[in-house]
Amino acid sequence: MGLGAKLHFGRRIGPLLRSGAGQLLRLVYPPVCAGCGRMAAAPAALCAECWGTVRFVERPLCDISGAPFDHDRGEGMLSPEVIANPPPYAKARAAVLYDGAARKLAQGLKYSDRADLAKMMAEWMVRAGREIIDDSDVIVCVPLHRRRLFSRRYNQSAELARAIAALTGKPFQAGGLRRIRATRQQVGLGLKARQDNVRGAFAVPPGRLPEIAGFKVLLVDDVLTTGSTVVAATRALNRAGAEQVNVLTFARVASPGAETLYA
């Protein structure tokens, strides 16, 4: 068989082999629900029961913080928390509330090496945050301190940011924001303790200033609780000259007072 015929044969048989291998792999390792572990129709998907526990963040919501309202208060309405204490970011949006299967997805990505979940979670985030994504120039993520990154092996927020960049075509500036001070884990801390914990913890490295200064930045994180972390990160981006910062997270707690419930 000549070289041309071999190449032609390879182009035809390659996809068939890959398809067959994929089918065999699914027989040996059938896809399971990302929420409960039972068999599912596709990898990184949810079964019908888990899907029913997902609560998407839909309007009506606060125009700035993205906090959902229990009734329609009119277009452009703000929550009392935002009126009393305006955040440094322009707008924040989240895809889902942090409970049910959505909570399991977030914890699986963060603590259980389930980086395969990032694409599905990012798709939900793009749907929820299309308005602020279109109004942003570059994407950065909330960083981990290098010691915590070493112990976890990857940053879940970076995985989400990278997937969002791939879905939208917006550039992801990995390393555009750095955690310059090691902090305690926020889980279990109250609002004041969270604010103190992350105050001054972030900075834009001098060499990365041209990627931030003058640009509209989309800041990506996995879960928004009190907002202390994204507020501290936003202030660092603003100090670096960002024209505007929008915040996009996969999930948010139902109310700011519930942060200590989500260990």
Protein backbone atom coordinates (compact mmCIF):
# COMPACT_ATOMS: atom_id res chain seq x y z
CA MET A 1 0.00 0.00 0.00
CA GLY A 2 1.45 3.38 -1.04
CA LEU A 3 1.84 6.35 1.28
CA GLY A 4 -1.19 8.14 -0.18
CA ALA A 5 -3.37 5.07 0.25
CA LYS A 6 -2.13 4.59 3.81
CA LEU A 7 -2.97 8.20 4.68
CA HIS A 8 -6.42 7.86 3.12
CA PHE A 9 -7.00 4.60 5.01
CA GLY A 10 -5.86 6.24 8.25
CA ARG A 11 -8.22 9.16 7.79
CA ARG A 12 -11.15 6.78 7.29
CA ILE A 13 -10.38 4.20 9.93
CA GLY A 14 -9.14 6.61 12.63
CA PRO A 15 -12.56 8.04 13.57
CA LEU A 16 -14.07 4.55 13.52
CA LEU A 17 -11.41 3.24 15.88
CA ARG A 18 -11.82 6.21 18.18
CA SER A 19 -15.59 5.77 18.11
CA GLY A 20 -15.29 2.07 18.82
CA ALA A 21 -12.80 2.69 21.61
CA GLY A 22 -15.14 5.26 23.10
CA GLN A 23 -18.06 2.85 23.01
CA LEU A 24 -15.95 0.12 24.61
CA LEU A 25 -14.78 2.55 27.29
CA ARG A 26 -18.37 3.51 28.06
CA LEU A 27 -19.25 -0.16 28.43
CA VAL A 28 -16.40 -0.75 30.87
CA TYR A 29 -16.78 2.60 32.64
CA PRO A 30 -20.38 3.75 32.09
CA PRO A 31 -21.03 7.47 32.63
CA VAL A 32 -22.41 8.38 36.02
CA CYS A 33 -24.36 11.34 37.35
CA ALA A 34 -22.04 14.09 38.54
CA GLY A 35 -24.36 14.72 41.46
CA CYS A 36 -25.21 11.32 42.92
CA GLY A 37 -22.94 8.83 41.14
CA ARG A 38 -25.74 6.80 39.57
CA MET A 39 -25.63 5.87 35.88
CA ALA A 40 -26.33 8.77 33.54
CA ALA A 41 -26.79 9.34 29.82
CA ALA A 42 -23.46 11.12 29.34
CA PRO A 43 -20.27 11.92 31.25
CA ALA A 44 -20.33 15.03 33.49
CA ALA A 45 -24.12 15.16 33.32
CA LEU A 46 -26.91 15.02 35.89
CA CYS A 47 -29.67 12.47 36.28
CA ALA A 48 -33.27 13.66 36.28
CA GLU A 49 -33.50 13.56 40.08
CA CYS A 50 -30.37 15.65 40.62
CA TRP A 51 -31.35 18.02 37.82
CA GLY A 52 -34.55 18.73 39.72
CA THR A 53 -32.54 20.03 42.70
CA VAL A 54 -30.69 22.67 40.67
CA ARG A 55 -31.99 26.19 41.24
CA PHE A 56 -30.82 28.58 38.54
CA VAL A 57 -30.47 32.25 39.47
CA GLU A 58 -33.07 33.98 37.34
CA ARG A 59 -34.63 37.42 37.29
CA PRO A 60 -35.84 39.27 39.28
CA LEU A 61 -32.48 40.06 40.88
CA CYS A 62 -30.39 42.96 42.12
CA ASP A 63 -28.92 44.70 39.09
CA ILE A 64 -25.50 45.04 40.74
CA SER A 65 -24.96 42.13 43.13
CA GLY A 66 -27.07 39.61 41.22
CA ALA A 67 -28.82 38.55 44.45
CA PRO A 68 -32.23 37.08 43.56
CA PHE A 69 -35.38 38.84 44.78
CA ASP A 70 -38.42 36.99 46.05
CA HIS A 71 -40.67 39.20 43.90
CA ASP A 72 -40.27 41.57 40.97
CA ARG A 73 -39.20 45.01 42.19
CA GLY A 74 -38.82 46.54 38.76
CA GLU A 75 -36.01 46.84 36.24
CA GLY A 76 -32.70 48.06 37.62
CA MET A 77 -33.70 47.70 41.27
CA LEU A 78 -30.96 47.29 43.88
CA SER A 79 -30.86 45.26 47.07
CA PRO A 80 -30.74 47.06 50.44
CA GLU A 81 -27.24 45.60 51.02
CA VAL A 82 -25.92 47.18 47.82
CA ILE A 83 -27.54 50.53 48.59
CA ALA A 84 -26.05 50.55 52.10
CA ASN A 85 -22.60 49.28 51.04
CA PRO A 86 -21.95 49.61 47.28
CA PRO A 87 -19.41 47.01 46.08
CA PRO A 88 -16.30 48.00 44.09
CA TYR A 89 -17.31 45.83 41.11
CA ALA A 90 -19.79 46.90 38.43
CA LYS A 91 -21.98 43.78 38.37
CA ALA A 92 -21.93 40.24 39.74
CA ARG A 93 -23.79 37.26 38.36
CA ALA A 94 -24.03 33.58 39.35
CA ALA A 95 -25.47 30.60 37.52
CA VAL A 96 -27.08 28.68 40.39
CA LEU A 97 -27.80 28.72 44.11
CA TYR A 98 -25.35 26.74 46.22
CA ASP A 99 -27.47 23.79 47.24
CA GLY A 100 -28.62 20.42 45.96
CA ALA A 101 -26.64 18.95 43.09
CA ALA A 102 -25.05 22.33 42.32
CA ARG A 103 -23.32 22.27 45.69
CA LYS A 104 -22.00 18.76 44.95
CA LEU A 105 -20.66 19.94 41.58
CA ALA A 106 -18.83 22.87 43.16
CA GLN A 107 -17.35 20.70 45.90
CA GLY A 108 -16.41 17.98 43.43
CA LEU A 109 -14.48 20.47 41.31
CA LYS A 110 -12.84 22.09 44.33
CA TYR A 111 -11.99 19.15 46.58
CA SER A 112 -12.30 15.91 44.60
CA ASP A 113 -10.13 16.49 41.50
CA ARG A 114 -13.21 16.60 39.25
CA ALA A 115 -11.74 19.01 36.71
CA ASP A 116 -13.92 17.29 34.11
CA LEU A 117 -16.91 19.15 35.58
CA ALA A 118 -15.52 22.57 34.67
CA LYS A 119 -16.85 22.62 31.10
CA MET A 120 -20.46 21.89 32.08
CA MET A 121 -20.31 24.38 34.95
CA ALA A 122 -18.79 27.01 32.65
CA GLU A 123 -21.60 26.53 30.14
CA TRP A 124 -24.12 27.36 32.87
CA MET A 125 -22.04 30.39 33.85
CA VAL A 126 -21.89 31.69 30.28
CA ARG A 127 -25.67 31.43 30.07
CA ALA A 128 -26.12 33.36 33.32
CA GLY A 129 -23.42 35.92 32.67
CA ARG A 130 -23.72 36.66 28.97
CA GLU A 131 -24.43 40.35 29.64
CA ILE A 132 -21.29 40.93 31.71
CA ILE A 133 -19.14 38.64 29.55
CA ASP A 134 -20.00 40.73 26.49
CA ASP A 135 -19.11 43.85 28.50
CA SER A 136 -15.65 42.52 29.46
CA ASP A 137 -12.35 42.48 27.59
CA VAL A 138 -10.28 39.93 29.53
CA ILE A 139 -10.86 37.15 32.06
CA VAL A 140 -8.95 36.60 35.29
CA CYS A 141 -9.66 34.22 38.15
CA VAL A 142 -9.47 34.43 41.92
CA PRO A 143 -6.02 32.87 42.58
CA LEU A 144 -4.87 30.41 45.20
CA HIS A 145 -1.76 30.99 47.24
CA ARG A 146 1.11 28.89 45.89
CA ARG A 147 1.13 26.64 48.99
CA ARG A 148 -2.56 25.83 48.66
CA LEU A 149 -2.18 25.38 44.92
CA PHE A 150 0.57 22.85 45.54
CA SER A 151 -1.64 20.84 47.92
CA ARG A 152 -4.73 20.93 45.65
CA ARG A 153 -2.79 20.55 42.38
CA TYR A 154 -5.05 22.94 40.47
CA ASN A 155 -7.14 26.05 41.03
CA GLN A 156 -10.85 25.35 40.49
CA SER A 157 -11.52 29.00 39.61
CA ALA A 158 -8.81 28.88 36.94
CA GLU A 159 -10.40 25.76 35.43
CA LEU A 160 -13.73 27.58 35.19
CA ALA A 161 -12.11 30.72 33.75
CA ARG A 162 -10.21 28.70 31.16
CA ALA A 163 -13.41 26.91 30.10
CA ILE A 164 -15.31 30.20 29.85
CA ALA A 165 -12.52 31.64 27.70
CA ALA A 166 -12.74 28.65 25.37
CA LEU A 167 -16.52 29.02 25.10
CA THR A 168 -16.57 32.78 24.52
CA GLY A 169 -13.29 33.64 22.83
CA LYS A 170 -12.38 36.14 25.56
CA PRO A 171 -8.69 35.97 26.54
CA PHE A 172 -7.88 34.39 29.89
CA GLN A 173 -5.00 36.15 31.60
CA ALA A 174 -3.71 33.36 33.83
CA GLY A 175 -1.54 34.94 36.50
CA GLY A 176 -3.07 38.36 35.95
CA LEU A 177 -4.00 38.40 39.62
CA ARG A 178 -1.88 36.88 42.40
CA ARG A 179 -2.58 35.98 46.02
CA ILE A 180 0.38 37.59 47.75
CA ARG A 181 -0.51 36.52 51.27
CA ALA A 182 -1.53 33.11 52.53
CA THR A 183 -4.98 33.22 54.13
CA ARG A 184 -7.12 30.91 56.22
CA GLN A 185 -9.87 29.03 54.45
CA GLN A 186 -13.03 31.14 54.38
CA VAL A 187 -15.32 28.20 55.19
CA GLY A 188 -16.93 28.64 58.59
CA LEU A 189 -15.85 32.28 59.06
CA GLY A 190 -18.35 35.07 59.64
CA LEU A 191 -18.56 38.20 57.55
CA LYS A 192 -16.11 40.36 59.54
CA ALA A 193 -13.60 37.49 59.82
CA ARG A 194 -13.84 36.85 56.08
CA GLN A 195 -13.21 40.50 55.28
CA ASP A 196 -10.19 40.64 57.59
CA ASN A 197 -8.87 37.34 56.23
CA VAL A 198 -8.61 38.51 52.60
CA ARG A 199 -7.87 42.21 53.09
CA GLY A 200 -4.75 43.04 51.10
CA ALA A 201 -4.33 39.42 49.99
CA PHE A 202 -4.35 40.11 46.24
CA ALA A 203 -2.26 42.12 43.80
CA VAL A 204 -1.59 42.38 40.09
CA PRO A 205 2.09 41.58 39.43
CA PRO A 206 3.91 44.59 37.95
CA GLY A 207 4.76 42.65 34.82
CA ARG A 208 1.06 41.92 34.21
CA LEU A 209 -0.19 45.50 34.52
CA PRO A 210 -0.44 45.99 30.72
CA GLU A 211 -2.94 43.09 30.62
CA ILE A 212 -5.20 44.73 33.21
CA ALA A 213 -4.82 48.51 33.12
CA GLY A 214 -7.44 50.15 30.92
CA PHE A 215 -9.37 46.93 30.32
CA LYS A 216 -12.77 45.72 31.46
CA VAL A 217 -12.07 42.62 33.53
CA LEU A 218 -14.28 39.59 34.16
CA LEU A 219 -13.32 38.10 37.54
CA VAL A 220 -14.23 34.40 37.85
CA ASP A 221 -14.66 32.40 41.06
CA ASP A 222 -16.50 29.21 41.99
CA VAL A 223 -18.82 30.22 44.86
CA LEU A 224 -19.93 33.61 46.18
CA THR A 225 -20.91 33.66 49.84
CA THR A 226 -20.50 37.03 51.58
CA GLY A 227 -18.59 38.45 48.61
CA SER A 228 -15.54 39.26 50.74
CA THR A 229 -13.09 37.46 48.45
CA VAL A 230 -14.31 38.97 45.18
CA VAL A 231 -14.46 42.43 46.79
CA ALA A 232 -10.80 42.16 47.89
CA ALA A 233 -9.78 40.83 44.46
CA THR A 234 -11.75 43.57 42.69
CA ARG A 235 -10.03 46.27 44.72
CA ALA A 236 -6.64 44.88 43.68
CA LEU A 237 -7.70 44.98 40.02
CA ASN A 238 -9.02 48.53 40.42
CA ARG A 239 -5.73 49.62 41.99
CA ALA A 240 -3.98 48.17 38.94
CA GLY A 241 -6.01 50.45 36.68
CA ALA A 242 -8.80 48.17 35.46
CA GLU A 243 -11.46 50.24 33.73
CA GLN A 244 -14.19 48.05 35.23
CA VAL A 245 -14.56 44.73 37.00
CA ASN A 246 -17.49 42.33 36.64
CA VAL A 247 -17.77 39.17 38.74
CA LEU A 248 -19.04 35.80 37.52
CA THR A 249 -19.36 32.77 39.80
CA PHE A 250 -20.79 29.32 39.34
CA ALA A 251 -22.89 29.47 42.51
CA ARG A 252 -23.94 31.82 45.27
CA VAL A 253 -25.46 31.16 48.67
CA ALA A 254 -29.13 32.04 49.01
CA SER A 255 -28.41 34.83 51.49
CA PRO A 256 -25.22 36.50 52.81
CA GLY A 257 -25.98 35.31 56.34
CA ALA A 258 -25.73 31.65 55.36
CA GLU A 259 -21.96 31.56 54.80
CA THR A 260 -21.17 29.47 57.86
CA LEU A 261 -23.60 26.73 56.79
CA TYR A 262 -21.55 25.64 53.81
CA ALA A 263 -18.55 23.74 55.12
